[in-house]
């Protein structure tokens, strides 16, 4: 059985990863869309994304559209694998109960 991933298990990061892995591989989510979808503040989302990025679970790309900054987020293959292993561990835990 896979172990629970403490980094992903945190509720906000679990929601972020669930939202991102629901996208097709290679697709990206706009920061504002993700913030609004999960009802987070800019600072809260940024802090959690930083932790996920440090673990190489997400990639953050900062671009400009005209003069406006735009931030795109996508899961890495490592992040998708870590999320799948975490979900598997949760399913095993539930099954064992």
N, C-alpha and C. Protein backbone atom coordinates (compact mmCIF):
# COMPACT_ATOMS: atom_id res chain seq x y z
N UNK A 1 0.84 -1.18 0.00
CA UNK A 1 0.00 0.00 0.00
C UNK A 1 0.89 1.24 0.00
N UNK A 2 0.50 2.22 -0.81
CA UNK A 2 1.20 3.50 -0.81
C UNK A 2 0.93 4.23 0.50
N UNK A 3 1.89 5.05 0.90
CA UNK A 3 1.76 5.89 2.08
C UNK A 3 1.03 7.18 1.72
N UNK A 4 0.34 7.76 2.68
CA UNK A 4 -0.26 9.07 2.46
C UNK A 4 0.86 10.09 2.27
N UNK A 5 0.67 10.98 1.33
CA UNK A 5 1.65 12.02 1.04
C UNK A 5 1.31 13.24 1.90
N UNK A 6 2.14 13.53 2.87
CA UNK A 6 1.84 14.63 3.81
C UNK A 6 1.72 15.98 3.11
N UNK A 7 2.50 16.20 2.07
CA UNK A 7 2.44 17.47 1.36
C UNK A 7 1.11 17.62 0.63
N UNK A 8 0.68 16.58 -0.03
CA UNK A 8 -0.59 16.63 -0.78
C UNK A 8 -1.78 16.50 0.16
N UNK A 9 -1.62 15.80 1.27
CA UNK A 9 -2.75 15.53 2.16
C UNK A 9 -3.35 16.79 2.79
N UNK A 10 -2.56 17.86 2.89
CA UNK A 10 -3.07 19.11 3.44
C UNK A 10 -4.29 19.52 2.59
N UNK A 11 -5.43 19.84 3.21
CA UNK A 11 -6.68 20.02 2.46
C UNK A 11 -6.62 20.99 1.28
N UNK A 12 -5.99 22.14 1.44
CA UNK A 12 -5.95 23.09 0.33
C UNK A 12 -5.09 22.56 -0.81
N UNK A 13 -3.95 21.97 -0.48
CA UNK A 13 -3.10 21.42 -1.54
C UNK A 13 -3.74 20.22 -2.20
N UNK A 14 -4.51 19.44 -1.46
CA UNK A 14 -5.25 18.33 -2.04
C UNK A 14 -6.26 18.85 -3.06
N UNK A 15 -6.95 19.92 -2.74
CA UNK A 15 -7.92 20.52 -3.66
C UNK A 15 -7.22 21.10 -4.89
N UNK A 16 -6.08 21.74 -4.69
CA UNK A 16 -5.32 22.30 -5.82
C UNK A 16 -4.90 21.18 -6.76
N UNK A 17 -4.31 20.13 -6.20
CA UNK A 17 -3.86 19.02 -7.04
C UNK A 17 -5.02 18.33 -7.73
N UNK A 18 -6.14 18.15 -7.04
CA UNK A 18 -7.31 17.51 -7.65
C UNK A 18 -7.80 18.34 -8.84
N UNK A 19 -7.83 19.65 -8.66
CA UNK A 19 -8.27 20.52 -9.76
C UNK A 19 -7.31 20.43 -10.94
N UNK A 20 -6.02 20.40 -10.66
CA UNK A 20 -5.03 20.39 -11.75
C UNK A 20 -4.95 19.05 -12.46
N UNK A 21 -5.05 17.95 -11.73
CA UNK A 21 -4.96 16.64 -12.39
C UNK A 21 -6.23 16.33 -13.17
N UNK A 22 -7.30 17.07 -12.91
CA UNK A 22 -8.53 16.87 -13.69
C UNK A 22 -8.39 17.42 -15.11
N UNK A 23 -7.37 18.27 -15.31
CA UNK A 23 -7.08 18.78 -16.65
C UNK A 23 -6.36 17.70 -17.45
N UNK A 24 -6.45 17.78 -18.75
CA UNK A 24 -5.68 16.87 -19.59
C UNK A 24 -4.20 17.14 -19.37
N UNK A 25 -3.39 16.10 -19.49
CA UNK A 25 -1.95 16.26 -19.33
C UNK A 25 -1.44 17.31 -20.32
N UNK A 26 -0.67 18.26 -19.81
CA UNK A 26 -0.14 19.34 -20.64
C UNK A 26 -1.00 20.60 -20.63
N UNK A 27 -2.25 20.50 -20.16
CA UNK A 27 -3.09 21.69 -20.05
C UNK A 27 -2.71 22.46 -18.80
N UNK A 28 -2.96 23.76 -18.84
CA UNK A 28 -2.59 24.65 -17.74
C UNK A 28 -3.84 25.37 -17.23
N UNK A 29 -3.79 25.74 -15.96
CA UNK A 29 -4.86 26.53 -15.35
C UNK A 29 -4.33 27.93 -15.07
N UNK A 30 -5.15 28.90 -15.33
CA UNK A 30 -4.84 30.29 -15.01
C UNK A 30 -4.95 30.48 -13.49
N UNK A 31 -4.02 31.25 -12.93
CA UNK A 31 -4.01 31.51 -11.49
C UNK A 31 -5.36 32.02 -11.00
N UNK A 32 -5.91 33.00 -11.69
CA UNK A 32 -7.19 33.58 -11.26
C UNK A 32 -8.32 32.57 -11.30
N UNK A 33 -8.33 31.73 -12.31
CA UNK A 33 -9.36 30.69 -12.41
C UNK A 33 -9.25 29.73 -11.24
N UNK A 34 -8.03 29.29 -10.94
CA UNK A 34 -7.81 28.36 -9.84
C UNK A 34 -8.17 29.01 -8.50
N UNK A 35 -7.78 30.26 -8.32
CA UNK A 35 -8.11 31.00 -7.09
C UNK A 35 -9.62 31.07 -6.89
N UNK A 36 -10.34 31.42 -7.96
CA UNK A 36 -11.79 31.56 -7.86
C UNK A 36 -12.48 30.21 -7.68
N UNK A 37 -12.01 29.20 -8.40
CA UNK A 37 -12.58 27.87 -8.31
C UNK A 37 -12.51 27.33 -6.88
N UNK A 38 -11.37 27.55 -6.24
CA UNK A 38 -11.14 27.01 -4.90
C UNK A 38 -11.46 27.99 -3.78
N UNK A 39 -11.89 29.20 -4.15
CA UNK A 39 -12.27 30.24 -3.20
C UNK A 39 -11.12 30.52 -2.22
N UNK A 40 -9.95 30.82 -2.79
CA UNK A 40 -8.76 31.13 -2.00
C UNK A 40 -8.35 32.57 -2.23
N UNK A 41 -7.56 33.11 -1.33
CA UNK A 41 -6.98 34.43 -1.56
C UNK A 41 -5.73 34.26 -2.42
N UNK A 42 -5.28 35.35 -3.03
CA UNK A 42 -4.06 35.31 -3.84
C UNK A 42 -2.89 34.78 -3.01
N UNK A 43 -2.74 35.32 -1.81
CA UNK A 43 -1.61 34.94 -0.96
C UNK A 43 -1.66 33.48 -0.54
N UNK A 44 -2.85 33.00 -0.21
CA UNK A 44 -3.01 31.62 0.21
C UNK A 44 -2.68 30.67 -0.93
N UNK A 45 -3.23 30.94 -2.12
CA UNK A 45 -2.94 30.11 -3.27
C UNK A 45 -1.45 30.15 -3.61
N UNK A 46 -0.87 31.33 -3.58
CA UNK A 46 0.56 31.47 -3.89
C UNK A 46 1.43 30.65 -2.94
N UNK A 47 1.12 30.70 -1.65
CA UNK A 47 1.91 29.97 -0.66
C UNK A 47 1.83 28.46 -0.90
N UNK A 48 0.65 27.96 -1.17
CA UNK A 48 0.49 26.52 -1.40
C UNK A 48 1.14 26.11 -2.73
N UNK A 49 1.02 26.94 -3.74
CA UNK A 49 1.67 26.62 -5.01
C UNK A 49 3.18 26.59 -4.86
N UNK A 50 3.71 27.47 -4.04
CA UNK A 50 5.16 27.49 -3.81
C UNK A 50 5.62 26.16 -3.21
N UNK A 51 4.88 25.65 -2.24
CA UNK A 51 5.24 24.37 -1.63
C UNK A 51 5.18 23.24 -2.65
N UNK A 52 4.12 23.25 -3.48
CA UNK A 52 3.98 22.21 -4.50
C UNK A 52 5.05 22.33 -5.57
N UNK A 53 5.42 23.56 -5.90
CA UNK A 53 6.47 23.78 -6.90
C UNK A 53 7.83 23.32 -6.37
N UNK A 54 8.10 23.59 -5.10
CA UNK A 54 9.37 23.16 -4.49
C UNK A 54 9.51 21.64 -4.51
N UNK A 55 8.38 20.94 -4.44
CA UNK A 55 8.39 19.48 -4.48
C UNK A 55 8.36 18.95 -5.92
N UNK A 56 8.34 19.85 -6.88
CA UNK A 56 8.26 19.51 -8.30
C UNK A 56 6.95 18.80 -8.66
N UNK A 57 5.88 19.16 -7.96
CA UNK A 57 4.57 18.60 -8.26
C UNK A 57 3.81 19.48 -9.24
N UNK A 58 4.13 20.76 -9.27
CA UNK A 58 3.51 21.68 -10.23
C UNK A 58 4.60 22.53 -10.87
N UNK A 59 4.29 23.03 -12.06
CA UNK A 59 5.17 23.99 -12.73
C UNK A 59 4.38 25.29 -12.86
N UNK A 60 5.02 26.38 -12.52
CA UNK A 60 4.39 27.70 -12.57
C UNK A 60 5.10 28.51 -13.65
N UNK A 61 4.31 29.05 -14.57
CA UNK A 61 4.86 29.84 -15.67
C UNK A 61 4.26 31.24 -15.62
N UNK A 62 5.11 32.24 -15.54
CA UNK A 62 4.66 33.63 -15.51
C UNK A 62 4.90 34.25 -16.88
N UNK A 63 3.84 34.80 -17.45
CA UNK A 63 3.92 35.41 -18.77
C UNK A 63 3.23 36.78 -18.71
N UNK A 64 3.17 37.43 -19.84
CA UNK A 64 2.44 38.69 -19.96
C UNK A 64 1.48 38.58 -21.13
N UNK A 65 0.30 39.11 -20.95
CA UNK A 65 -0.64 39.29 -22.03
C UNK A 65 -0.79 40.80 -22.17
N UNK A 66 -0.16 41.33 -23.19
CA UNK A 66 -0.06 42.79 -23.27
C UNK A 66 0.84 43.24 -22.14
N UNK A 67 0.32 44.11 -21.31
CA UNK A 67 1.09 44.58 -20.15
C UNK A 67 0.66 43.91 -18.85
N UNK A 68 -0.27 42.99 -18.96
CA UNK A 68 -0.79 42.35 -17.76
C UNK A 68 -0.08 41.03 -17.49
N UNK A 69 0.37 40.84 -16.25
CA UNK A 69 1.00 39.55 -15.90
C UNK A 69 -0.04 38.44 -15.87
N UNK A 70 0.38 37.27 -16.28
CA UNK A 70 -0.50 36.10 -16.29
C UNK A 70 0.31 34.93 -15.75
N UNK A 71 -0.27 34.19 -14.84
CA UNK A 71 0.40 33.04 -14.26
C UNK A 71 -0.37 31.78 -14.61
N UNK A 72 0.36 30.80 -15.14
CA UNK A 72 -0.21 29.52 -15.54
C UNK A 72 0.38 28.43 -14.67
N UNK A 73 -0.46 27.47 -14.29
CA UNK A 73 -0.03 26.38 -13.43
C UNK A 73 -0.41 25.06 -14.09
N UNK A 74 0.52 24.10 -14.04
CA UNK A 74 0.22 22.76 -14.52
C UNK A 74 0.90 21.75 -13.62
N UNK A 75 0.38 20.54 -13.61
CA UNK A 75 1.03 19.48 -12.85
C UNK A 75 2.20 18.93 -13.65
N UNK A 76 3.19 18.47 -12.94
CA UNK A 76 4.30 17.77 -13.57
C UNK A 76 3.94 16.28 -13.57
N UNK A 77 4.70 15.50 -14.30
CA UNK A 77 4.49 14.05 -14.28
C UNK A 77 4.71 13.51 -12.87
N UNK A 78 5.71 14.05 -12.20
CA UNK A 78 5.97 13.64 -10.81
C UNK A 78 4.78 13.99 -9.92
N UNK A 79 4.18 15.15 -10.14
CA UNK A 79 3.02 15.56 -9.37
C UNK A 79 1.82 14.67 -9.62
N UNK A 80 1.60 14.32 -10.89
CA UNK A 80 0.49 13.42 -11.23
C UNK A 80 0.69 12.05 -10.59
N UNK A 81 1.92 11.55 -10.63
CA UNK A 81 2.22 10.26 -10.01
C UNK A 81 2.03 10.32 -8.49
N UNK A 82 2.49 11.39 -7.87
CA UNK A 82 2.35 11.54 -6.41
C UNK A 82 0.88 11.63 -6.02
N UNK A 83 0.09 12.35 -6.81
CA UNK A 83 -1.33 12.47 -6.52
C UNK A 83 -2.02 11.11 -6.67
N UNK A 84 -1.70 10.38 -7.74
CA UNK A 84 -2.30 9.06 -7.96
C UNK A 84 -1.94 8.11 -6.81
N UNK A 85 -0.70 8.15 -6.35
CA UNK A 85 -0.29 7.31 -5.23
C UNK A 85 -1.02 7.70 -3.95
N UNK A 86 -1.23 8.99 -3.75
CA UNK A 86 -1.95 9.46 -2.56
C UNK A 86 -3.40 9.00 -2.60
N UNK A 87 -4.04 9.13 -3.75
CA UNK A 87 -5.43 8.69 -3.90
C UNK A 87 -5.51 7.18 -3.67
N UNK A 88 -4.54 6.44 -4.19
CA UNK A 88 -4.52 5.00 -3.98
C UNK A 88 -4.40 4.67 -2.50
N UNK A 89 -3.55 5.40 -1.79
CA UNK A 89 -3.40 5.17 -0.35
C UNK A 89 -4.70 5.47 0.39
N UNK A 90 -5.39 6.52 -0.01
CA UNK A 90 -6.69 6.84 0.61
C UNK A 90 -7.70 5.74 0.34
N UNK A 91 -7.73 5.26 -0.89
CA UNK A 91 -8.67 4.19 -1.25
C UNK A 91 -8.38 2.92 -0.46
N UNK A 92 -7.11 2.58 -0.30
CA UNK A 92 -6.73 1.41 0.48
C UNK A 92 -7.14 1.58 1.94
N UNK A 93 -6.94 2.75 2.47
CA UNK A 93 -7.32 3.05 3.85
C UNK A 93 -8.82 2.87 4.04
N UNK A 94 -9.59 3.41 3.11
CA UNK A 94 -11.05 3.28 3.19
C UNK A 94 -11.47 1.81 3.06
N UNK A 95 -10.85 1.13 2.12
CA UNK A 95 -11.19 -0.29 1.91
C UNK A 95 -10.89 -1.13 3.15
N UNK A 96 -9.77 -0.83 3.80
CA UNK A 96 -9.36 -1.60 4.99
C UNK A 96 -10.27 -1.34 6.18
N UNK A 97 -10.99 -0.23 6.18
CA UNK A 97 -11.89 0.07 7.29
C UNK A 97 -13.14 -0.75 7.13
